[in-house]
Amino acid sequence: MNTTRQCAESCLDLLILEVIRSYNNSGRPPAAAALEAVGFRVGRQLIERMTCGRQRFSDQLEAIKFVCKEFWAELFRKQIDNLKTNHRGVFVLQDNRFRWLMRLAPDAAGEAKQDVHKLAQEYLAFPCGLVQGALCTLGVNCSVTADSS
């Protein structure tokens, strides 16, 4: 019997959208900062589970590759489309069809593109936190940003 717990993607989408709306309407700190902090904690916990019983990665590149292949696939059901580096500690992970942004679009009521872009940036705070928490746990001191263009 499979005892793994799963959450429907639509539930997670709605939860994140509601958290963003709630933070924006309540005068609390920006939603992006709160979502990134939650993502960081979740990323740390997930990567600990995924690497339990596994040898430590020998270098930064191995840890990044693990996140691109295993961690990303576990979360988003696909690997990163492209990994680029300048060989000086800067890595660019590219997902050309990021699942969590596929449903965001200007509505028929005339919602401006800037509003959708702002919402996308807030929506990306959680996955940025996930990746940063995972990499931090793997020993990679980093900052993670997202570009939704």
Protein backbone atom coordinates (compact mmCIF):
# COMPACT_ATOMS: atom_id res chain seq x y z
CA MET A 1 0.00 0.00 0.00
CA ASN A 2 1.35 3.42 -0.98
CA THR A 3 1.36 5.67 2.07
CA THR A 4 2.87 8.81 0.56
CA ARG A 5 0.82 11.93 1.05
CA GLN A 6 0.06 14.13 -1.90
CA CYS A 7 -1.59 17.49 -2.41
CA ALA A 8 -3.50 18.42 -5.53
CA GLU A 9 -1.78 21.13 -7.55
CA SER A 10 -4.98 23.13 -7.71
CA CYS A 11 -5.12 23.22 -3.90
CA LEU A 12 -1.56 24.55 -3.72
CA ASP A 13 -2.30 27.12 -6.44
CA LEU A 14 -5.34 28.39 -4.59
CA LEU A 15 -3.54 28.41 -1.24
CA ILE A 16 -0.63 30.50 -2.56
CA LEU A 17 -2.96 32.92 -4.36
CA GLU A 18 -5.03 33.34 -1.19
CA VAL A 19 -1.92 33.95 0.93
CA ILE A 20 -0.77 36.63 -1.52
CA ARG A 21 -4.21 38.28 -1.51
CA SER A 22 -4.45 38.11 2.27
CA TYR A 23 -0.99 39.62 2.82
CA ASN A 24 -1.57 42.38 0.28
CA ASN A 25 -4.91 43.36 1.86
CA SER A 26 -3.84 43.24 5.51
CA GLY A 27 -0.93 45.67 5.67
CA ARG A 28 1.44 42.90 6.81
CA PRO A 29 4.94 42.57 5.38
CA PRO A 30 5.04 41.95 1.62
CA ALA A 31 3.61 38.59 0.59
CA ALA A 32 6.77 37.74 -1.33
CA ALA A 33 8.93 37.87 1.81
CA ALA A 34 6.54 35.68 3.78
CA LEU A 35 6.17 33.14 0.99
CA GLU A 36 9.92 32.98 0.47
CA ALA A 37 10.46 32.28 4.18
CA VAL A 38 7.89 29.48 4.13
CA GLY A 39 9.42 28.09 0.92
CA PHE A 40 12.87 28.16 2.53
CA ARG A 41 11.70 26.02 5.47
CA VAL A 42 9.83 23.61 3.20
CA GLY A 43 12.81 23.34 0.82
CA ARG A 44 15.13 22.47 3.71
CA GLN A 45 12.79 19.75 4.93
CA LEU A 46 12.16 18.27 1.48
CA ILE A 47 15.85 18.08 0.55
CA GLU A 48 16.66 16.46 3.90
CA ARG A 49 14.12 13.73 3.14
CA MET A 50 15.38 13.29 -0.41
CA THR A 51 19.05 13.02 0.55
CA CYS A 52 18.66 10.97 3.71
CA GLY A 53 21.18 8.12 3.63
CA ARG A 54 23.02 9.61 0.68
CA GLN A 55 26.65 10.71 0.66
CA ARG A 56 27.32 14.45 0.79
CA PHE A 57 27.91 16.09 -2.56
CA SER A 58 31.58 16.62 -3.33
CA ASP A 59 31.15 20.08 -4.82
CA GLN A 60 28.71 22.87 -5.50
CA LEU A 61 28.02 21.77 -9.09
CA GLU A 62 26.89 18.30 -7.98
CA ALA A 63 24.45 19.84 -5.52
CA ILE A 64 23.08 22.18 -8.19
CA LYS A 65 22.67 19.28 -10.64
CA PHE A 66 20.79 17.29 -7.99
CA VAL A 67 18.41 20.20 -7.48
CA CYS A 68 17.92 20.55 -11.26
CA LYS A 69 17.22 16.88 -11.86
CA GLU A 70 15.87 15.20 -8.74
CA PHE A 71 14.49 18.01 -6.56
CA TRP A 72 12.86 19.95 -9.41
CA ALA A 73 11.36 16.77 -10.89
CA GLU A 74 9.92 15.79 -7.51
CA LEU A 75 8.25 19.18 -7.12
CA PHE A 76 7.27 20.10 -10.67
CA ARG A 77 7.18 16.74 -12.49
CA LYS A 78 9.95 17.70 -14.90
CA GLN A 79 13.63 18.53 -14.86
CA ILE A 80 15.05 22.00 -15.39
CA ASP A 81 15.19 22.81 -19.12
CA ASN A 82 18.56 24.52 -19.02
CA LEU A 83 21.40 25.02 -16.52
CA LYS A 84 23.98 27.68 -17.27
CA THR A 85 27.00 28.76 -15.26
CA ASN A 86 29.78 31.29 -15.59
CA HIS A 87 32.09 28.92 -13.64
CA ARG A 88 32.48 31.59 -10.96
CA GLY A 89 29.61 30.58 -8.73
CA VAL A 90 26.69 31.99 -10.71
CA PHE A 91 24.11 29.48 -11.94
CA VAL A 92 20.99 30.11 -14.02
CA LEU A 93 18.28 27.46 -13.86
CA GLN A 94 15.73 27.82 -16.65
CA ASP A 95 12.28 26.25 -16.79
CA ASN A 96 10.59 27.32 -20.02
CA ARG A 97 7.12 26.09 -19.02
CA PHE A 98 6.96 26.56 -15.27
CA ARG A 99 3.78 24.80 -14.16
CA TRP A 100 2.83 27.24 -11.43
CA LEU A 101 2.71 30.18 -13.84
CA MET A 102 0.80 28.50 -16.65
CA ARG A 103 -2.60 29.66 -15.35
CA LEU A 104 -1.65 33.31 -14.81
CA ALA A 105 -2.88 35.63 -17.54
CA PRO A 106 -4.60 39.03 -17.80
CA ASP A 107 -8.33 38.60 -17.29
CA ALA A 108 -11.07 39.77 -19.63
CA ALA A 109 -11.92 42.67 -17.28
CA GLY A 110 -8.78 44.46 -18.45
CA GLU A 111 -6.28 43.49 -15.78
CA ALA A 112 -3.03 45.15 -16.84
CA LYS A 113 0.02 43.14 -17.83
CA GLN A 114 1.95 44.88 -15.03
CA ASP A 115 -0.52 43.49 -12.50
CA VAL A 116 -0.04 39.97 -13.85
CA HIS A 117 3.75 40.41 -13.80
CA LYS A 118 3.60 41.66 -10.18
CA LEU A 119 1.43 38.69 -9.21
CA ALA A 120 3.85 36.32 -11.00
CA GLN A 121 6.79 37.74 -9.04
CA GLU A 122 4.90 37.26 -5.76
CA TYR A 123 3.87 33.77 -6.87
CA LEU A 124 7.53 32.90 -7.63
CA ALA A 125 8.68 33.82 -4.12
CA PHE A 126 7.66 30.41 -2.74
CA PRO A 127 9.63 28.34 -5.32
CA CYS A 128 12.61 30.70 -4.87
CA GLY A 129 12.49 29.93 -1.17
CA LEU A 130 12.21 26.20 -1.92
CA VAL A 131 15.36 26.24 -4.05
CA GLN A 132 17.29 28.44 -1.65
CA GLY A 133 16.36 26.27 1.34
CA ALA A 134 17.33 23.11 -0.54
CA LEU A 135 20.68 24.51 -1.68
CA CYS A 136 21.45 25.93 1.76
CA THR A 137 20.86 22.50 3.29
CA LEU A 138 23.19 20.99 0.69
CA GLY A 139 25.91 23.43 1.75
CA VAL A 140 25.54 25.94 -1.08
CA ASN A 141 25.38 29.47 0.31
CA CYS A 142 23.27 31.35 -2.22
CA SER A 143 20.60 33.86 -3.06
CA VAL A 144 17.82 32.91 -5.46
CA THR A 145 15.85 35.27 -7.69
CA ALA A 146 13.25 34.62 -10.37
CA ASP A 147 12.51 36.23 -13.72
CA SER A 148 9.08 35.59 -15.21
CA SER A 149 9.71 37.22 -18.58
